[in-house]
Amino acid sequence: MGGTNGVQVAWGSASNRLYSVQRASALMAGNNTFTNLAEHLLSTPPQNVFFDATATNVSQFFYRLKVE
């Protein structure tokens, strides 16, 4: 979900896991530079939510999750 105040990323989570949220501005070959926005997020089953307040309709972003 997006808007002028940021983007909310939500995903199904499993018990006893930690997650990282990563973001990139492009998915081009050779330019898959994802940066960590948050690390070591505790799971909150059945769903985790992260709010990216820095994404404010300025550009498009791609997100991915990492299970730690």
PDB file of N, CA and C in Angstrom:
ATOM      1  N   MET A   1       0.849  -1.176   0.000  1.00  0.00           N
ATOM      2  CA  MET A   1       0.000   0.000   0.000  1.00  0.00           C
ATOM      3  C   MET A   1       0.891   1.234   0.000  1.00  0.00           C
ATOM      4  N   GLY A   2       0.495   2.244  -0.731  1.00  0.00           N
ATOM      5  CA  GLY A   2       1.313   3.437  -0.794  1.00  0.00           C
ATOM      6  C   GLY A   2       0.490   4.696  -0.622  1.00  0.00           C
ATOM      7  N   GLY A   3       1.167   5.782  -0.507  1.00  0.00           N
ATOM      8  CA  GLY A   3       0.508   7.064  -0.353  1.00  0.00           C
ATOM      9  C   GLY A   3       1.533   8.164  -0.206  1.00  0.00           C
ATOM     10  N   THR A   4       1.062   9.336   0.086  1.00  0.00           N
ATOM     11  CA  THR A   4       1.967  10.475   0.205  1.00  0.00           C
ATOM     12  C   THR A   4       2.777  10.450   1.500  1.00  0.00           C
ATOM     13  N   ASN A   5       2.347   9.649   2.473  1.00  0.00           N
ATOM     14  CA  ASN A   5       3.057   9.579   3.752  1.00  0.00           C
ATOM     15  C   ASN A   5       4.009   8.399   3.845  1.00  0.00           C
ATOM     16  N   GLY A   6       4.059   7.565   2.813  1.00  0.00           N
ATOM     17  CA  GLY A   6       4.936   6.402   2.837  1.00  0.00           C
ATOM     18  C   GLY A   6       4.250   5.175   2.290  1.00  0.00           C
ATOM     19  N   VAL A   7       4.888   4.023   2.482  1.00  0.00           N
ATOM     20  CA  VAL A   7       4.400   2.749   1.960  1.00  0.00           C
ATOM     21  C   VAL A   7       4.341   1.740   3.096  1.00  0.00           C
ATOM     22  N   GLN A   8       3.246   1.019   3.161  1.00  0.00           N
ATOM     23  CA  GLN A   8       3.104  -0.052   4.135  1.00  0.00           C
ATOM     24  C   GLN A   8       3.324  -1.379   3.434  1.00  0.00           C
ATOM     25  N   VAL A   9       4.238  -2.185   3.965  1.00  0.00           N
ATOM     26  CA  VAL A   9       4.527  -3.511   3.432  1.00  0.00           C
ATOM     27  C   VAL A   9       4.029  -4.523   4.462  1.00  0.00           C
ATOM     28  N   ALA A  10       3.216  -5.476   4.013  1.00  0.00           N
ATOM     29  CA  ALA A  10       2.667  -6.488   4.921  1.00  0.00           C
ATOM     30  C   ALA A  10       2.931  -7.867   4.331  1.00  0.00           C
ATOM     31  N   TRP A  11       3.206  -8.845   5.193  1.00  0.00           N
ATOM     32  CA  TRP A  11       3.452 -10.205   4.733  1.00  0.00           C
ATOM     33  C   TRP A  11       3.041 -11.201   5.803  1.00  0.00           C
ATOM     34  N   GLY A  12       2.716 -12.405   5.357  1.00  0.00           N
ATOM     35  CA  GLY A  12       2.404 -13.484   6.282  1.00  0.00           C
ATOM     36  C   GLY A  12       3.667 -13.916   6.998  1.00  0.00           C
ATOM     37  N   SER A  13       3.598 -14.078   8.302  1.00  0.00           N
ATOM     38  CA  SER A  13       4.802 -14.413   9.057  1.00  0.00           C
ATOM     39  C   SER A  13       4.618 -15.721   9.817  1.00  0.00           C
ATOM     40  N   ALA A  14       5.739 -16.348  10.126  1.00  0.00           N
ATOM     41  CA  ALA A  14       5.765 -17.609  10.862  1.00  0.00           C
ATOM     42  C   ALA A  14       6.333 -17.360  12.258  1.00  0.00           C
ATOM     43  N   SER A  15       5.940 -18.194  13.184  1.00  0.00           N
ATOM     44  CA  SER A  15       6.426 -18.069  14.568  1.00  0.00           C
ATOM     45  C   SER A  15       7.922 -18.284  14.654  1.00  0.00           C
ATOM     46  N   ASN A  16       8.531 -17.645  15.632  1.00  0.00           N
ATOM     47  CA  ASN A  16       9.950 -17.822  15.955  1.00  0.00           C
ATOM     48  C   ASN A  16      10.882 -17.509  14.785  1.00  0.00           C
ATOM     49  N   ARG A  17      10.575 -16.459  14.048  1.00  0.00           N
ATOM     50  CA  ARG A  17      11.416 -16.029  12.924  1.00  0.00           C
ATOM     51  C   ARG A  17      11.768 -14.553  13.088  1.00  0.00           C
ATOM     52  N   LEU A  18      12.845 -14.146  12.449  1.00  0.00           N
ATOM     53  CA  LEU A  18      13.225 -12.746  12.342  1.00  0.00           C
ATOM     54  C   LEU A  18      13.246 -12.395  10.860  1.00  0.00           C
ATOM     55  N   TYR A  19      12.894 -11.159  10.542  1.00  0.00           N
ATOM     56  CA  TYR A  19      12.813 -10.722   9.150  1.00  0.00           C
ATOM     57  C   TYR A  19      13.607  -9.440   8.945  1.00  0.00           C
ATOM     58  N   SER A  20      14.078  -9.270   7.700  1.00  0.00           N
ATOM     59  CA  SER A  20      14.656  -8.008   7.245  1.00  0.00           C
ATOM     60  C   SER A  20      13.816  -7.526   6.079  1.00  0.00           C
ATOM     61  N   VAL A  21      13.607  -6.210   5.999  1.00  0.00           N
ATOM     62  CA  VAL A  21      12.911  -5.595   4.868  1.00  0.00           C
ATOM     63  C   VAL A  21      13.959  -4.851   4.058  1.00  0.00           C
ATOM     64  N   GLN A  22      13.994  -5.132   2.750  1.00  0.00           N
ATOM     65  CA  GLN A  22      14.967  -4.510   1.868  1.00  0.00           C
ATOM     66  C   GLN A  22      14.248  -3.784   0.739  1.00  0.00           C
ATOM     67  N   ARG A  23      14.921  -2.764   0.170  1.00  0.00           N
ATOM     68  CA  ARG A  23      14.320  -1.951  -0.888  1.00  0.00           C
ATOM     69  C   ARG A  23      15.346  -1.635  -1.972  1.00  0.00           C
ATOM     70  N   ALA A  24      14.858  -1.600  -3.238  1.00  0.00           N
ATOM     71  CA  ALA A  24      15.679  -1.188  -4.376  1.00  0.00           C
ATOM     72  C   ALA A  24      14.833  -0.291  -5.267  1.00  0.00           C
ATOM     73  N   SER A  25      15.497   0.529  -6.057  1.00  0.00           N
ATOM     74  CA  SER A  25      14.763   1.418  -6.966  1.00  0.00           C
ATOM     75  C   SER A  25      14.625   0.839  -8.361  1.00  0.00           C
ATOM     76  N   ALA A  26      15.325  -0.285  -8.654  1.00  0.00           N
ATOM     77  CA  ALA A  26      15.247  -0.913  -9.972  1.00  0.00           C
ATOM     78  C   ALA A  26      15.512  -2.405  -9.848  1.00  0.00           C
ATOM     79  N   LEU A  27      15.046  -3.157 -10.838  1.00  0.00           N
ATOM     80  CA  LEU A  27      15.279  -4.598 -10.876  1.00  0.00           C
ATOM     81  C   LEU A  27      16.040  -5.003 -12.133  1.00  0.00           C
ATOM     82  N   MET A  28      16.866  -4.136 -12.630  1.00  0.00           N
ATOM     83  CA  MET A  28      17.618  -4.410 -13.843  1.00  0.00           C
ATOM     84  C   MET A  28      18.780  -5.352 -13.544  1.00  0.00           C
ATOM     85  N   ALA A  29      19.107  -6.205 -14.509  1.00  0.00           N
ATOM     86  CA  ALA A  29      20.231  -7.123 -14.355  1.00  0.00           C
ATOM     87  C   ALA A  29      21.510  -6.344 -14.062  1.00  0.00           C
ATOM     88  N   GLY A  30      22.244  -6.803 -13.088  1.00  0.00           N
ATOM     89  CA  GLY A  30      23.484  -6.138 -12.719  1.00  0.00           C
ATOM     90  C   GLY A  30      23.291  -4.938 -11.812  1.00  0.00           C
ATOM     91  N   ASN A  31      22.031  -4.572 -11.547  1.00  0.00           N
ATOM     92  CA  ASN A  31      21.765  -3.407 -10.709  1.00  0.00           C
ATOM     93  C   ASN A  31      20.785  -3.760  -9.590  1.00  0.00           C
ATOM     94  N   ASN A  32      20.864  -4.979  -9.106  1.00  0.00           N
ATOM     95  CA  ASN A  32      19.987  -5.417  -8.022  1.00  0.00           C
ATOM     96  C   ASN A  32      20.555  -4.988  -6.677  1.00  0.00           C
ATOM     97  N   THR A  33      20.579  -3.713  -6.448  1.00  0.00           N
ATOM     98  CA  THR A  33      21.121  -3.190  -5.212  1.00  0.00           C
ATOM     99  C   THR A  33      19.994  -2.964  -4.215  1.00  0.00           C
ATOM    100  N   PHE A  34      19.775  -3.957  -3.381  1.00  0.00           N
ATOM    101  CA  PHE A  34      18.786  -3.826  -2.312  1.00  0.00           C
ATOM    102  C   PHE A  34      19.499  -3.358  -1.057  1.00  0.00           C
ATOM    103  N   THR A  35      18.887  -2.424  -0.365  1.00  0.00           N
ATOM    104  CA  THR A  35      19.432  -1.940   0.903  1.00  0.00           C
ATOM    105  C   THR A  35      18.488  -2.320   2.028  1.00  0.00           C
ATOM    106  N   ASN A  36      19.047  -2.557   3.184  1.00  0.00           N
ATOM    107  CA  ASN A  36      18.246  -2.903   4.353  1.00  0.00           C
ATOM    108  C   ASN A  36      17.558  -1.659   4.895  1.00  0.00           C
ATOM    109  N   LEU A  37      16.253  -1.764   5.065  1.00  0.00           N
ATOM    110  CA  LEU A  37      15.490  -0.706   5.721  1.00  0.00           C
ATOM    111  C   LEU A  37      15.291  -1.028   7.193  1.00  0.00           C
ATOM    112  N   ALA A  38      15.138  -2.325   7.472  1.00  0.00           N
ATOM    113  CA  ALA A  38      14.940  -2.778   8.854  1.00  0.00           C
ATOM    114  C   ALA A  38      15.473  -4.202   8.953  1.00  0.00           C
ATOM    115  N   GLU A  39      16.081  -4.504  10.088  1.00  0.00           N
ATOM    116  CA  GLU A  39      16.617  -5.841  10.324  1.00  0.00           C
ATOM    117  C   GLU A  39      16.140  -6.348  11.672  1.00  0.00           C
ATOM    118  N   HIS A  40      16.137  -7.654  11.813  1.00  0.00           N
ATOM    119  CA  HIS A  40      15.820  -8.325  13.075  1.00  0.00           C
ATOM    120  C   HIS A  40      14.405  -8.012  13.569  1.00  0.00           C
ATOM    121  N   LEU A  41      13.450  -7.911  12.632  1.00  0.00           N
ATOM    122  CA  LEU A  41      12.058  -7.697  13.025  1.00  0.00           C
ATOM    123  C   LEU A  41      11.479  -9.014  13.529  1.00  0.00           C
ATOM    124  N   LEU A  42      10.946  -9.012  14.733  1.00  0.00           N
ATOM    125  CA  LEU A  42      10.339 -10.216  15.294  1.00  0.00           C
ATOM    126  C   LEU A  42       9.040 -10.543  14.568  1.00  0.00           C
ATOM    127  N   SER A  43       8.757 -11.824  14.428  1.00  0.00           N
ATOM    128  CA  SER A  43       7.512 -12.234  13.774  1.00  0.00           C
ATOM    129  C   SER A  43       6.320 -11.909  14.673  1.00  0.00           C
ATOM    130  N   THR A  44       5.234 -11.550  14.026  1.00  0.00           N
ATOM    131  CA  THR A  44       3.971 -11.282  14.717  1.00  0.00           C
ATOM    132  C   THR A  44       2.864 -12.014  13.959  1.00  0.00           C
ATOM    133  N   PRO A  45       2.882 -13.373  14.014  1.00  0.00           N
ATOM    134  CA  PRO A  45       1.900 -14.145  13.247  1.00  0.00           C
ATOM    135  C   PRO A  45       0.480 -13.714  13.578  1.00  0.00           C
ATOM    136  N   PRO A  46      -0.401 -13.718  12.623  1.00  0.00           N
ATOM    137  CA  PRO A  46      -0.222 -14.285  11.283  1.00  0.00           C
ATOM    138  C   PRO A  46       0.354 -13.298  10.275  1.00  0.00           C
ATOM    139  N   GLN A  47       0.563 -12.033  10.668  1.00  0.00           N
ATOM    140  CA  GLN A  47       1.015 -11.049   9.690  1.00  0.00           C
ATOM    141  C   GLN A  47       1.962 -10.035  10.323  1.00  0.00           C
ATOM    142  N   ASN A  48       3.017  -9.703   9.595  1.00  0.00           N
ATOM    143  CA  ASN A  48       3.911  -8.611   9.979  1.00  0.00           C
ATOM    144  C   ASN A  48       3.632  -7.401   9.098  1.00  0.00           C
ATOM    145  N   VAL A  49       3.905  -6.217   9.626  1.00  0.00           N
ATOM    146  CA  VAL A  49       3.710  -4.973   8.881  1.00  0.00           C
ATOM    147  C   VAL A  49       4.913  -4.080   9.133  1.00  0.00           C
ATOM    148  N   PHE A  50       5.401  -3.446   8.053  1.00  0.00           N
ATOM    149  CA  PHE A  50       6.483  -2.475   8.154  1.00  0.00           C
ATOM    150  C   PHE A  50       6.060  -1.241   7.379  1.00  0.00           C
ATOM    151  N   PHE A  51       6.281  -0.067   7.942  1.00  0.00           N
ATOM    152  CA  PHE A  51       5.917   1.183   7.278  1.00  0.00           C
ATOM    153  C   PHE A  51       7.186   1.914   6.872  1.00  0.00           C
ATOM    154  N   ASP A  52       7.335   2.135   5.563  1.00  0.00           N
ATOM    155  CA  ASP A  52       8.486   2.858   5.013  1.00  0.00           C
ATOM    156  C   ASP A  52       8.088   4.316   4.828  1.00  0.00           C
ATOM    157  N   ALA A  53       8.400   5.132   5.811  1.00  0.00           N
ATOM    158  CA  ALA A  53       8.023   6.552   5.789  1.00  0.00           C
ATOM    159  C   ALA A  53       8.870   7.355   4.810  1.00  0.00           C
ATOM    160  N   THR A  54       9.964   6.767   4.297  1.00  0.00           N
ATOM    161  CA  THR A  54      10.827   7.490   3.363  1.00  0.00           C
ATOM    162  C   THR A  54      10.364   7.357   1.913  1.00  0.00           C
ATOM    163  N   ALA A  55       9.389   6.506   1.637  1.00  0.00           N
ATOM    164  CA  ALA A  55       8.861   6.322   0.275  1.00  0.00           C
ATOM    165  C   ALA A  55       7.603   7.167   0.133  1.00  0.00           C
ATOM    166  N   THR A  56       7.735   8.353  -0.446  1.00  0.00           N
ATOM    167  CA  THR A  56       6.615   9.297  -0.482  1.00  0.00           C
ATOM    168  C   THR A  56       6.298   9.766  -1.900  1.00  0.00           C
ATOM    169  N   ASN A  57       5.891   8.853  -2.782  1.00  0.00           N
ATOM    170  CA  ASN A  57       5.472   9.153  -4.153  1.00  0.00           C
ATOM    171  C   ASN A  57       6.538   9.847  -4.993  1.00  0.00           C
ATOM    172  N   VAL A  58       7.770   9.804  -4.583  1.00  0.00           N
ATOM    173  CA  VAL A  58       8.838  10.433  -5.340  1.00  0.00           C
ATOM    174  C   VAL A  58       9.330   9.502  -6.441  1.00  0.00           C
ATOM    175  N   SER A  59       9.313   8.221  -6.181  1.00  0.00           N
ATOM    176  CA  SER A  59       9.848   7.237  -7.107  1.00  0.00           C
ATOM    177  C   SER A  59       9.146   5.915  -6.885  1.00  0.00           C
ATOM    178  N   GLN A  60       9.446   4.949  -7.754  1.00  0.00           N
ATOM    179  CA  GLN A  60       8.938   3.602  -7.516  1.00  0.00           C
ATOM    180  C   GLN A  60      10.003   2.803  -6.790  1.00  0.00           C
ATOM    181  N   PHE A  61       9.574   1.889  -5.955  1.00  0.00           N
ATOM    182  CA  PHE A  61      10.490   1.052  -5.210  1.00  0.00           C
ATOM    183  C   PHE A  61      10.038  -0.388  -5.294  1.00  0.00           C
ATOM    184  N   PHE A  62      10.997  -1.296  -5.126  1.00  0.00           N
ATOM    185  CA  PHE A  62      10.740  -2.722  -5.074  1.00  0.00           C
ATOM    186  C   PHE A  62      11.203  -3.195  -3.712  1.00  0.00           C
ATOM    187  N   TYR A  63      10.391  -4.034  -3.093  1.00  0.00           N
ATOM    188  CA  TYR A  63      10.698  -4.522  -1.745  1.00  0.00           C
ATOM    189  C   TYR A  63      10.889  -6.025  -1.775  1.00  0.00           C
ATOM    190  N   ARG A  64      11.731  -6.497  -0.876  1.00  0.00           N
ATOM    191  CA  ARG A  64      11.833  -7.934  -0.666  1.00  0.00           C
ATOM    192  C   ARG A  64      12.084  -8.179   0.813  1.00  0.00           C
ATOM    193  N   LEU A  65      11.719  -9.395   1.233  1.00  0.00           N
ATOM    194  CA  LEU A  65      11.860  -9.787   2.621  1.00  0.00           C
ATOM    195  C   LEU A  65      12.926 -10.868   2.730  1.00  0.00           C
ATOM    196  N   LYS A  66      13.639 -10.831   3.818  1.00  0.00           N
ATOM    197  CA  LYS A  66      14.657 -11.837   4.079  1.00  0.00           C
ATOM    198  C   LYS A  66      14.340 -12.472   5.418  1.00  0.00           C
ATOM    199  N   VAL A  67      14.283 -13.798   5.433  1.00  0.00           N
ATOM    200  CA  VAL A  67      14.108 -14.520   6.690  1.00  0.00           C
ATOM    201  C   VAL A  67      15.494 -14.741   7.265  1.00  0.00           C
ATOM    202  N   GLU A  68      15.697 -14.317   8.483  1.00  0.00           N
ATOM    203  CA  GLU A  68      17.029 -14.418   9.090  1.00  0.00           C
ATOM    204  C   GLU A  68      17.185 -15.739   9.821  1.00  0.00           C
TER     205      GLU A  68
END
